[in-house]
Amino acid sequence: MFQTRFHGRGGQGVVTAAELLSLAAFGQGRHSQALPSFGSERTGAPVIAYCRIDDRTIRAHDPVTAPDAVVVQDPTLLHIPGVLDDVAVDGVVLVNSSRSPSELALDGLALRVVTVPASDLARGRLGRPLPNTCLLGALAGLTGAVELTSLQRAMRQRFEGEAGELNALLAADGFELVVDCREGVRRAQAG
């Protein structure tokens, strides 16, 4: 089973990211679930969402406590207790940032940390700093949990017209940035 935990703030599309990942996996004929977890429903409040993907029926419906991947959509949340807890030994931490893991004081972790300037890329494509779809593309590129084409199909279904196309392109941007990370590159860079 592949398990992902998403951390971000209200308004960044954290819950939508988990749902899109789940839909992409389902579109590939796999079992999947997305679970949101948030307190106050206001813009800027911390939000957590979870996604599980498996080839068999998923019986667990509790929060993901030992993720294979953690996606941090707002780097200001990185040093909050619990955000980086219990990531699988061979797991990955994907951070929305134009800064390197060492600049974020994450280079001492015994985890694979990859940064992607998702908000910057989203601002260029969408005119708004919504990092979720770019980070989903990067997650697909890093882990192979779902195919990029499945993610793009889910985005086109979720968002109508031009918004669907732009988010699908943004996912491809994230995917392309991290393809080299499968071979051990510590940081994805635009350019």
N, C-alpha and C. Protein backbone atom coordinates (compact mmCIF):
# COMPACT_ATOMS: atom_id res chain seq x y z
N MET A 1 0.84 -1.18 0.00
CA MET A 1 0.00 0.00 0.00
C MET A 1 0.89 1.24 0.00
N PHE A 2 0.52 2.22 -0.82
CA PHE A 2 1.24 3.49 -0.87
C PHE A 2 0.40 4.51 -0.11
N GLN A 3 1.03 5.19 0.87
CA GLN A 3 0.32 6.14 1.71
C GLN A 3 1.00 7.51 1.66
N THR A 4 0.18 8.54 1.52
CA THR A 4 0.68 9.91 1.43
C THR A 4 -0.03 10.79 2.44
N ARG A 5 0.74 11.69 3.03
CA ARG A 5 0.16 12.70 3.93
C ARG A 5 0.48 14.07 3.33
N PHE A 6 -0.54 14.91 3.20
CA PHE A 6 -0.40 16.26 2.66
C PHE A 6 -0.56 17.27 3.79
N HIS A 7 0.35 18.23 3.86
CA HIS A 7 0.27 19.32 4.84
C HIS A 7 0.25 20.64 4.08
N GLY A 8 -0.62 21.53 4.50
CA GLY A 8 -0.67 22.84 3.89
C GLY A 8 -1.58 23.74 4.69
N ARG A 9 -2.02 24.79 4.06
CA ARG A 9 -2.92 25.75 4.70
C ARG A 9 -4.21 25.83 3.89
N GLY A 10 -5.28 26.18 4.59
CA GLY A 10 -6.57 26.32 3.93
C GLY A 10 -6.47 27.25 2.74
N GLY A 11 -7.00 26.83 1.61
CA GLY A 11 -6.94 27.63 0.40
C GLY A 11 -5.85 27.20 -0.57
N GLN A 12 -4.98 26.27 -0.16
CA GLN A 12 -3.90 25.80 -1.03
C GLN A 12 -4.28 24.54 -1.81
N GLY A 13 -5.45 24.00 -1.57
CA GLY A 13 -5.87 22.81 -2.30
C GLY A 13 -5.34 21.51 -1.73
N VAL A 14 -5.12 21.46 -0.42
CA VAL A 14 -4.60 20.25 0.22
C VAL A 14 -5.58 19.09 0.08
N VAL A 15 -6.83 19.33 0.41
CA VAL A 15 -7.85 18.28 0.32
C VAL A 15 -8.05 17.88 -1.14
N THR A 16 -8.07 18.85 -2.02
CA THR A 16 -8.22 18.57 -3.45
C THR A 16 -7.07 17.72 -3.96
N ALA A 17 -5.85 17.97 -3.48
CA ALA A 17 -4.69 17.18 -3.90
C ALA A 17 -4.88 15.71 -3.54
N ALA A 18 -5.31 15.43 -2.32
CA ALA A 18 -5.53 14.04 -1.91
C ALA A 18 -6.63 13.40 -2.75
N GLU A 19 -7.68 14.15 -3.03
CA GLU A 19 -8.78 13.63 -3.84
C GLU A 19 -8.32 13.35 -5.27
N LEU A 20 -7.54 14.25 -5.87
CA LEU A 20 -7.06 14.04 -7.22
C LEU A 20 -6.13 12.84 -7.32
N LEU A 21 -5.27 12.66 -6.33
CA LEU A 21 -4.38 11.50 -6.31
C LEU A 21 -5.19 10.22 -6.23
N SER A 22 -6.21 10.23 -5.39
CA SER A 22 -7.09 9.08 -5.25
C SER A 22 -7.83 8.78 -6.55
N LEU A 23 -8.36 9.81 -7.20
CA LEU A 23 -9.07 9.64 -8.47
C LEU A 23 -8.14 9.11 -9.56
N ALA A 24 -6.91 9.59 -9.59
CA ALA A 24 -5.95 9.12 -10.58
C ALA A 24 -5.67 7.63 -10.39
N ALA A 25 -5.49 7.21 -9.14
CA ALA A 25 -5.25 5.78 -8.86
C ALA A 25 -6.48 4.95 -9.24
N PHE A 26 -7.65 5.43 -8.88
CA PHE A 26 -8.89 4.73 -9.21
C PHE A 26 -9.03 4.60 -10.73
N GLY A 27 -8.64 5.64 -11.45
CA GLY A 27 -8.68 5.62 -12.91
C GLY A 27 -7.73 4.60 -13.51
N GLN A 28 -6.76 4.17 -12.75
CA GLN A 28 -5.82 3.13 -13.18
C GLN A 28 -6.27 1.76 -12.72
N GLY A 29 -7.48 1.67 -12.17
CA GLY A 29 -8.01 0.38 -11.74
C GLY A 29 -7.54 -0.07 -10.37
N ARG A 30 -7.01 0.86 -9.58
CA ARG A 30 -6.53 0.52 -8.24
C ARG A 30 -7.54 0.96 -7.20
N HIS A 31 -7.39 0.48 -6.00
CA HIS A 31 -8.21 0.92 -4.88
C HIS A 31 -7.55 2.15 -4.28
N SER A 32 -8.36 3.11 -3.86
CA SER A 32 -7.79 4.33 -3.29
C SER A 32 -8.80 5.00 -2.39
N GLN A 33 -8.28 5.85 -1.52
CA GLN A 33 -9.14 6.66 -0.66
C GLN A 33 -8.43 7.95 -0.32
N ALA A 34 -9.22 8.99 -0.15
CA ALA A 34 -8.72 10.29 0.27
C ALA A 34 -9.47 10.68 1.53
N LEU A 35 -8.72 11.14 2.54
CA LEU A 35 -9.31 11.50 3.82
C LEU A 35 -8.84 12.88 4.23
N PRO A 36 -9.75 13.84 4.39
CA PRO A 36 -9.35 15.16 4.87
C PRO A 36 -9.33 15.20 6.39
N SER A 37 -8.55 16.10 6.95
CA SER A 37 -8.52 16.30 8.39
C SER A 37 -8.19 17.77 8.64
N PHE A 38 -9.16 18.49 9.12
CA PHE A 38 -8.91 19.91 9.40
C PHE A 38 -9.81 20.36 10.52
N GLY A 39 -9.39 21.42 11.21
CA GLY A 39 -10.17 21.98 12.30
C GLY A 39 -11.07 23.08 11.78
N SER A 40 -10.65 24.29 12.00
CA SER A 40 -11.46 25.41 11.52
C SER A 40 -11.34 25.50 10.01
N GLU A 41 -12.44 25.79 9.37
CA GLU A 41 -12.45 25.86 7.92
C GLU A 41 -12.23 27.30 7.46
N ARG A 42 -11.03 27.79 7.69
CA ARG A 42 -10.76 29.16 7.26
C ARG A 42 -9.46 29.20 6.48
N THR A 43 -9.39 30.13 5.59
CA THR A 43 -8.20 30.29 4.78
C THR A 43 -6.99 30.55 5.68
N GLY A 44 -5.92 29.83 5.41
CA GLY A 44 -4.68 30.01 6.16
C GLY A 44 -4.50 29.07 7.34
N ALA A 45 -5.56 28.40 7.77
CA ALA A 45 -5.44 27.45 8.89
C ALA A 45 -4.73 26.18 8.40
N PRO A 46 -3.94 25.54 9.26
CA PRO A 46 -3.29 24.29 8.86
C PRO A 46 -4.32 23.22 8.50
N VAL A 47 -4.02 22.51 7.43
CA VAL A 47 -4.88 21.45 6.92
C VAL A 47 -4.02 20.23 6.64
N ILE A 48 -4.55 19.05 6.93
CA ILE A 48 -3.88 17.79 6.62
C ILE A 48 -4.88 16.94 5.83
N ALA A 49 -4.39 16.25 4.83
CA ALA A 49 -5.20 15.29 4.10
C ALA A 49 -4.35 14.06 3.83
N TYR A 50 -5.00 12.94 3.64
CA TYR A 50 -4.32 11.66 3.47
C TYR A 50 -4.84 10.97 2.22
N CYS A 51 -3.97 10.15 1.63
CA CYS A 51 -4.39 9.32 0.50
C CYS A 51 -3.71 7.97 0.62
N ARG A 52 -4.49 6.93 0.38
CA ARG A 52 -3.97 5.57 0.33
C ARG A 52 -4.28 4.99 -1.04
N ILE A 53 -3.33 4.21 -1.57
CA ILE A 53 -3.48 3.55 -2.86
C ILE A 53 -3.00 2.12 -2.70
N ASP A 54 -3.79 1.18 -3.20
CA ASP A 54 -3.39 -0.23 -3.11
C ASP A 54 -4.03 -1.01 -4.26
N ASP A 55 -3.49 -2.19 -4.50
CA ASP A 55 -4.08 -3.07 -5.51
C ASP A 55 -5.21 -3.91 -4.91
N ARG A 56 -5.32 -3.90 -3.60
CA ARG A 56 -6.38 -4.64 -2.90
C ARG A 56 -7.30 -3.66 -2.18
N THR A 57 -8.42 -4.16 -1.71
CA THR A 57 -9.37 -3.35 -0.96
C THR A 57 -8.68 -2.73 0.25
N ILE A 58 -8.94 -1.47 0.50
CA ILE A 58 -8.34 -0.76 1.63
C ILE A 58 -9.35 -0.77 2.78
N ARG A 59 -8.97 -1.38 3.87
CA ARG A 59 -9.88 -1.50 5.01
C ARG A 59 -9.67 -0.40 6.06
N ALA A 60 -8.50 0.19 6.10
CA ALA A 60 -8.20 1.24 7.08
C ALA A 60 -8.90 2.53 6.68
N HIS A 61 -9.43 3.23 7.66
CA HIS A 61 -10.06 4.53 7.41
C HIS A 61 -9.59 5.57 8.42
N ASP A 62 -8.43 5.33 8.99
CA ASP A 62 -7.87 6.24 9.98
C ASP A 62 -6.78 7.09 9.31
N PRO A 63 -6.33 8.13 9.98
CA PRO A 63 -5.26 8.96 9.40
C PRO A 63 -4.00 8.14 9.12
N VAL A 64 -3.26 8.55 8.12
CA VAL A 64 -2.00 7.90 7.76
C VAL A 64 -0.95 8.30 8.78
N THR A 65 -0.41 7.33 9.48
CA THR A 65 0.59 7.62 10.52
C THR A 65 2.01 7.29 10.08
N ALA A 66 2.17 6.42 9.08
CA ALA A 66 3.50 6.05 8.59
C ALA A 66 3.53 6.19 7.07
N PRO A 67 3.58 7.44 6.58
CA PRO A 67 3.48 7.68 5.13
C PRO A 67 4.73 7.28 4.36
N ASP A 68 4.50 6.92 3.11
CA ASP A 68 5.60 6.70 2.17
C ASP A 68 6.06 8.03 1.59
N ALA A 69 5.16 9.00 1.60
CA ALA A 69 5.48 10.33 1.09
C ALA A 69 4.74 11.37 1.92
N VAL A 70 5.42 12.48 2.17
CA VAL A 70 4.81 13.63 2.81
C VAL A 70 4.97 14.79 1.84
N VAL A 71 3.86 15.45 1.54
CA VAL A 71 3.87 16.61 0.65
C VAL A 71 3.57 17.83 1.51
N VAL A 72 4.50 18.78 1.54
CA VAL A 72 4.35 19.99 2.34
C VAL A 72 4.13 21.16 1.39
N GLN A 73 2.89 21.63 1.34
CA GLN A 73 2.53 22.69 0.40
C GLN A 73 2.90 24.07 0.90
N ASP A 74 3.15 24.21 2.20
CA ASP A 74 3.56 25.48 2.78
C ASP A 74 4.79 25.22 3.65
N PRO A 75 5.97 25.68 3.22
CA PRO A 75 7.19 25.37 3.96
C PRO A 75 7.23 25.95 5.37
N THR A 76 6.36 26.90 5.70
CA THR A 76 6.34 27.42 7.07
C THR A 76 5.84 26.37 8.05
N LEU A 77 5.27 25.30 7.55
CA LEU A 77 4.77 24.21 8.41
C LEU A 77 5.83 23.15 8.71
N LEU A 78 6.97 23.25 8.06
CA LEU A 78 7.99 22.19 8.16
C LEU A 78 8.45 21.88 9.58
N HIS A 79 8.54 22.89 10.40
CA HIS A 79 9.11 22.66 11.72
C HIS A 79 8.04 22.56 12.81
N ILE A 80 6.81 22.38 12.40
CA ILE A 80 5.73 22.13 13.35
C ILE A 80 5.78 20.65 13.73
N PRO A 81 5.71 20.35 15.01
CA PRO A 81 5.77 18.94 15.43
C PRO A 81 4.74 18.09 14.69
N GLY A 82 5.19 16.92 14.25
CA GLY A 82 4.32 15.96 13.59
C GLY A 82 4.37 15.97 12.09
N VAL A 83 4.79 17.06 11.48
CA VAL A 83 4.76 17.16 10.02
C VAL A 83 5.68 16.12 9.37
N LEU A 84 6.87 15.94 9.90
CA LEU A 84 7.83 15.01 9.30
C LEU A 84 7.95 13.71 10.09
N ASP A 85 7.05 13.47 11.00
CA ASP A 85 7.12 12.27 11.83
C ASP A 85 6.77 11.01 11.06
N ASP A 86 7.50 9.95 11.37
CA ASP A 86 7.18 8.58 10.95
C ASP A 86 7.14 8.35 9.45
N VAL A 87 7.88 9.13 8.68
CA VAL A 87 7.97 8.89 7.24
C VAL A 87 8.76 7.59 7.05
N ALA A 88 8.32 6.75 6.13
CA ALA A 88 8.99 5.49 5.86
C ALA A 88 10.47 5.72 5.57
N VAL A 89 11.29 4.76 5.92
CA VAL A 89 12.74 4.86 5.75
C VAL A 89 13.11 5.17 4.29
N ASP A 90 12.42 4.57 3.35
CA ASP A 90 12.69 4.82 1.94
C ASP A 90 11.72 5.83 1.34
N GLY A 91 11.06 6.59 2.21
CA GLY A 91 10.05 7.56 1.78
C GLY A 91 10.66 8.85 1.26
N VAL A 92 9.78 9.76 0.90
CA VAL A 92 10.21 11.04 0.34
C VAL A 92 9.39 12.16 0.98
N VAL A 93 10.06 13.29 1.19
CA VAL A 93 9.41 14.52 1.64
C VAL A 93 9.51 15.49 0.47
N LEU A 94 8.36 15.92 -0.03
CA LEU A 94 8.30 16.84 -1.16
C LEU A 94 7.81 18.18 -0.63
N VAL A 95 8.63 19.22 -0.83
CA VAL A 95 8.35 20.53 -0.25
C VAL A 95 8.17 21.58 -1.35
N ASN A 96 7.13 22.37 -1.22
CA ASN A 96 6.89 23.50 -2.11
C ASN A 96 7.82 24.63 -1.70
N SER A 97 8.93 24.77 -2.40
CA SER A 97 9.88 25.83 -2.08
C SER A 97 10.87 26.00 -3.22
N SER A 98 11.30 27.22 -3.43
CA SER A 98 12.38 27.47 -4.39
C SER A 98 13.74 27.37 -3.70
N ARG A 99 13.72 27.12 -2.40
CA ARG A 99 14.96 26.97 -1.63
C ARG A 99 15.37 25.51 -1.58
N SER A 100 16.64 25.25 -1.35
CA SER A 100 17.16 23.88 -1.27
C SER A 100 16.84 23.29 0.10
N PRO A 101 16.93 21.96 0.23
CA PRO A 101 16.73 21.35 1.55
C PRO A 101 17.67 21.91 2.61
N SER A 102 18.91 22.20 2.24
CA SER A 102 19.84 22.76 3.24
C SER A 102 19.43 24.17 3.65
N GLU A 103 18.93 24.95 2.71
CA GLU A 103 18.46 26.30 3.04
C GLU A 103 17.23 26.25 3.95
N LEU A 104 16.49 25.15 3.89
CA LEU A 104 15.32 24.96 4.75
C LEU A 104 15.68 24.23 6.04
N ALA A 105 16.97 24.00 6.26
CA ALA A 105 17.48 23.27 7.44
C ALA A 105 16.93 21.84 7.48
N LEU A 106 16.86 21.20 6.32
CA LEU A 106 16.36 19.82 6.23
C LEU A 106 17.42 18.83 5.76
N ASP A 107 18.62 19.32 5.48
CA ASP A 107 19.64 18.43 4.94
C ASP A 107 20.17 17.44 5.96
N GLY A 108 19.91 17.63 7.23
CA GLY A 108 20.37 16.70 8.25
C GLY A 108 19.41 15.54 8.49
N LEU A 109 18.27 15.56 7.83
CA LEU A 109 17.30 14.49 8.01
C LEU A 109 17.77 13.22 7.31
N ALA A 110 17.38 12.09 7.86
CA ALA A 110 17.69 10.81 7.25
C ALA A 110 16.58 10.43 6.28
N LEU A 111 16.11 11.41 5.52
CA LEU A 111 15.02 11.23 4.57
C LEU A 111 15.42 11.85 3.24
N ARG A 112 14.79 11.38 2.19
CA ARG A 112 14.99 12.01 0.88
C ARG A 112 14.07 13.22 0.82
N VAL A 113 14.65 14.40 0.71
CA VAL A 113 13.89 15.65 0.67
C VAL A 113 14.10 16.28 -0.70
N VAL A 114 12.99 16.62 -1.35
CA VAL A 114 13.03 17.25 -2.66
C VAL A 114 12.20 18.53 -2.59
N THR A 115 12.74 19.61 -3.13
CA THR A 115 11.99 20.87 -3.18
C THR A 115 11.64 21.19 -4.62
N VAL A 116 10.45 21.74 -4.79
CA VAL A 116 9.94 22.15 -6.10
C VAL A 116 9.29 23.52 -5.93
N PRO A 117 9.61 24.49 -6.77
CA PRO A 117 9.00 25.82 -6.65
C PRO A 117 7.57 25.84 -7.21
N ALA A 118 6.69 25.05 -6.62
CA ALA A 118 5.34 24.83 -7.14
C ALA A 118 4.50 26.11 -7.16
N SER A 119 4.59 26.92 -6.12
CA SER A 119 3.80 28.16 -6.10
C SER A 119 4.24 29.10 -7.21
N ASP A 120 5.54 29.18 -7.43
CA ASP A 120 6.06 30.03 -8.50
C ASP A 120 5.59 29.54 -9.87
N LEU A 121 5.65 28.23 -10.08
CA LEU A 121 5.22 27.66 -11.35
C LEU A 121 3.71 27.87 -11.55
N ALA A 122 2.95 27.70 -10.48
CA ALA A 122 1.50 27.88 -10.55
C ALA A 122 1.16 29.34 -10.85
N ARG A 123 1.87 30.25 -10.25
CA ARG A 123 1.63 31.67 -10.51
C ARG A 123 1.84 31.97 -12.00
N GLY A 124 2.84 31.34 -12.59
CA GLY A 124 3.11 31.54 -14.01
C GLY A 124 2.04 30.95 -14.91
N ARG A 125 1.52 29.77 -14.55
CA ARG A 125 0.52 29.09 -15.39
C ARG A 125 -0.91 29.54 -15.08
N LEU A 126 -1.23 29.69 -13.79
CA LEU A 126 -2.61 29.95 -13.36
C LEU A 126 -2.87 31.39 -12.97
N GLY A 127 -1.79 32.14 -12.73
CA GLY A 127 -1.95 33.50 -12.24
C GLY A 127 -2.21 33.55 -10.74
N ARG A 128 -2.15 32.40 -10.08
CA ARG A 128 -2.36 32.28 -8.63
C ARG A 128 -1.38 31.25 -8.07
N PRO A 129 -0.91 31.45 -6.85
CA PRO A 129 0.08 30.53 -6.27
C PRO A 129 -0.54 29.28 -5.64
N LEU A 130 -1.23 28.46 -6.45
CA LEU A 130 -1.84 27.22 -5.96
C LEU A 130 -0.92 26.04 -6.28
N PRO A 131 -0.19 25.52 -5.29
CA PRO A 131 0.86 24.55 -5.56
C PRO A 131 0.42 23.10 -5.74
N ASN A 132 -0.84 22.77 -5.46
CA ASN A 132 -1.22 21.37 -5.34
C ASN A 132 -1.03 20.53 -6.60
N THR A 133 -1.44 21.00 -7.76
CA THR A 133 -1.35 20.14 -8.94
C THR A 133 0.09 19.97 -9.43
N CYS A 134 0.90 21.00 -9.27
CA CYS A 134 2.32 20.87 -9.61
C CYS A 134 2.99 19.84 -8.70
N LEU A 135 2.67 19.91 -7.41
CA LEU A 135 3.25 18.96 -6.46
C LEU A 135 2.77 17.54 -6.73
N LEU A 136 1.54 17.38 -7.18
CA LEU A 136 1.06 16.04 -7.53
C LEU A 136 1.85 15.46 -8.71
N GLY A 137 2.13 16.29 -9.70
CA GLY A 137 2.96 15.83 -10.81
C GLY A 137 4.34 15.44 -10.33
N ALA A 138 4.91 16.24 -9.43
CA ALA A 138 6.22 15.92 -8.87
C ALA A 138 6.16 14.62 -8.07
N LEU A 139 5.11 14.43 -7.29
CA LEU A 139 4.95 13.20 -6.52
C LEU A 139 4.89 11.99 -7.44
N ALA A 140 4.15 12.10 -8.53
CA ALA A 140 4.08 11.00 -9.50
C ALA A 140 5.45 10.72 -10.10
N GLY A 141 6.20 11.77 -10.40
CA GLY A 141 7.53 11.60 -10.96
C GLY A 141 8.52 10.97 -10.00
N LEU A 142 8.40 11.31 -8.72
CA LEU A 142 9.32 10.78 -7.71
C LEU A 142 9.01 9.35 -7.31
N THR A 143 7.73 9.03 -7.23
CA THR A 143 7.33 7.75 -6.63
C THR A 143 6.78 6.74 -7.62
N GLY A 144 6.23 7.20 -8.71
CA GLY A 144 5.56 6.28 -9.63
C GLY A 144 4.26 5.73 -9.07
N ALA A 145 3.73 6.36 -8.02
CA ALA A 145 2.50 5.88 -7.38
C ALA A 145 1.32 5.89 -8.34
N VAL A 146 1.28 6.90 -9.22
CA VAL A 146 0.28 6.97 -10.29
C VAL A 146 0.99 7.47 -11.54
N GLU A 147 0.35 7.26 -12.67
CA GLU A 147 0.90 7.75 -13.93
C GLU A 147 0.50 9.21 -14.12
N LEU A 148 1.38 9.97 -14.74
CA LEU A 148 1.09 11.38 -15.01
C LEU A 148 -0.19 11.52 -15.82
N THR A 149 -0.38 10.66 -16.81
CA THR A 149 -1.59 10.77 -17.63
C THR A 149 -2.86 10.55 -16.82
N SER A 150 -2.81 9.69 -15.82
CA SER A 150 -3.97 9.47 -14.95
C SER A 150 -4.26 10.70 -14.11
N LEU A 151 -3.20 11.33 -13.61
CA LEU A 151 -3.36 12.57 -12.85
C LEU A 151 -3.97 13.66 -13.72
N GLN A 152 -3.47 13.79 -14.91
CA GLN A 152 -3.97 14.82 -15.81
C GLN A 152 -5.43 14.58 -16.17
N ARG A 153 -5.79 13.33 -16.37
CA ARG A 153 -7.19 13.00 -16.66
C ARG A 153 -8.09 13.38 -15.48
N ALA A 154 -7.63 13.09 -14.26
CA ALA A 154 -8.40 13.44 -13.06
C ALA A 154 -8.55 14.97 -12.95
N MET A 155 -7.51 15.70 -13.30
CA MET A 155 -7.56 17.17 -13.23
C MET A 155 -8.53 17.73 -14.27
N ARG A 156 -8.52 17.15 -15.46
CA ARG A 156 -9.44 17.62 -16.50
C ARG A 156 -10.90 17.31 -16.13
N GLN A 157 -11.10 16.21 -15.40
CA GLN A 157 -12.45 15.89 -14.94
C GLN A 157 -12.89 16.82 -13.82
N ARG A 158 -11.98 17.15 -12.94
CA ARG A 158 -12.31 17.97 -11.76
C ARG A 158 -12.49 19.44 -12.12
N PHE A 159 -11.61 19.96 -12.98
CA PHE A 159 -11.65 21.37 -13.34
C PHE A 159 -12.10 21.49 -14.79
N GLU A 160 -13.07 22.30 -15.04
CA GLU A 160 -13.62 22.43 -16.39
C GLU A 160 -12.75 23.31 -17.29
N GLY A 161 -12.79 23.01 -18.57
CA GLY A 161 -12.20 23.86 -19.60
C GLY A 161 -10.73 24.19 -19.42
N GLU A 162 -10.43 25.47 -19.55
CA GLU A 162 -9.06 25.94 -19.51
C GLU A 162 -8.38 25.63 -18.17
N ALA A 163 -9.13 25.71 -17.08
CA ALA A 163 -8.54 25.42 -15.76
C ALA A 163 -8.02 23.99 -15.70
N GLY A 164 -8.76 23.05 -16.27
CA GLY A 164 -8.32 21.66 -16.31
C GLY A 164 -7.05 21.49 -17.13
N GLU A 165 -7.01 22.15 -18.27
CA GLU A 165 -5.83 22.06 -19.14
C GLU A 165 -4.61 22.69 -18.48
N LEU A 166 -4.79 23.85 -17.86
CA LEU A 166 -3.66 24.52 -17.21
C LEU A 166 -3.13 23.72 -16.03
N ASN A 167 -4.02 23.12 -15.25
CA ASN A 167 -3.58 22.29 -14.14
C ASN A 167 -2.89 21.03 -14.63
N ALA A 168 -3.35 20.46 -15.73
CA ALA A 168 -2.69 19.29 -16.32
C ALA A 168 -1.27 19.66 -16.78
N LEU A 169 -1.11 20.84 -17.37
CA LEU A 169 0.22 21.31 -17.77
C LEU A 169 1.11 21.55 -16.55
N LEU A 170 0.53 22.07 -15.50
CA LEU A 170 1.28 22.32 -14.26
C LEU A 170 1.76 21.01 -13.64
N ALA A 171 0.91 19.99 -13.70
CA ALA A 171 1.33 18.67 -13.21
C ALA A 171 2.51 18.15 -14.03
N ALA A 172 2.46 18.35 -15.33
CA ALA A 172 3.57 17.93 -16.19
C ALA A 172 4.85 18.70 -15.84
N ASP A 173 4.71 19.99 -15.52
CA ASP A 173 5.87 20.79 -15.11
C ASP A 173 6.52 20.17 -13.87
N GLY A 174 5.71 19.84 -12.86
CA GLY A 174 6.23 19.24 -11.64
C GLY A 174 6.88 17.89 -11.91
N PHE A 175 6.24 17.10 -12.74
CA PHE A 175 6.75 15.78 -13.11
C PHE A 175 8.14 15.90 -13.74
N GLU A 176 8.26 16.79 -14.72
CA GLU A 176 9.53 16.96 -15.44
C GLU A 176 10.65 17.45 -14.52
N LEU A 177 10.31 18.27 -13.54
CA LEU A 177 11.33 18.80 -12.64
C LEU A 177 12.00 17.72 -11.79
N VAL A 178 11.27 16.66 -11.49
CA VAL A 178 11.80 15.67 -10.53
C VAL A 178 12.20 14.34 -11.14
N VAL A 179 12.06 14.19 -12.43
CA VAL A 179 12.39 12.90 -13.04
C VAL A 179 13.80 12.47 -12.67
N ASP A 180 14.75 13.39 -12.65
CA ASP A 180 16.12 13.06 -12.28
C ASP A 180 16.25 12.63 -10.83
N CYS A 181 15.30 12.99 -9.98
CA CYS A 181 15.37 12.64 -8.56
C CYS A 181 15.26 11.14 -8.34
N ARG A 182 14.71 10.43 -9.28
CA ARG A 182 14.66 8.97 -9.16
C ARG A 182 16.08 8.39 -9.15
N GLU A 183 17.01 9.13 -9.75
CA GLU A 183 18.40 8.69 -9.78
C GLU A 183 19.23 9.30 -8.65
N GLY A 184 18.58 9.92 -7.68
CA GLY A 184 19.30 10.38 -6.51
C GLY A 184 19.58 11.86 -6.44
N VAL A 185 19.12 12.66 -7.34
CA VAL A 185 19.32 14.10 -7.25
C VAL A 185 18.57 14.60 -6.03
N ARG A 186 19.17 15.41 -5.19
CA ARG A 186 18.55 15.86 -3.94
C ARG A 186 17.57 17.01 -4.13
N ARG A 187 17.68 17.76 -5.21
CA ARG A 187 16.82 18.93 -5.35
C ARG A 187 16.43 19.13 -6.80
N ALA A 188 15.16 19.32 -7.04
CA ALA A 188 14.70 19.64 -8.38
C ALA A 188 14.81 21.14 -8.59
N GLN A 189 15.29 21.52 -9.76
CA GLN A 189 15.44 22.95 -10.04
C GLN A 189 14.74 23.26 -11.36
N ALA A 190 14.10 24.41 -11.41
CA ALA A 190 13.48 24.86 -12.66
C ALA A 190 14.59 25.30 -13.61
N GLY A 191 14.34 25.13 -14.88
CA GLY A 191 15.28 25.69 -15.80
C GLY A 191 15.73 24.76 -16.82
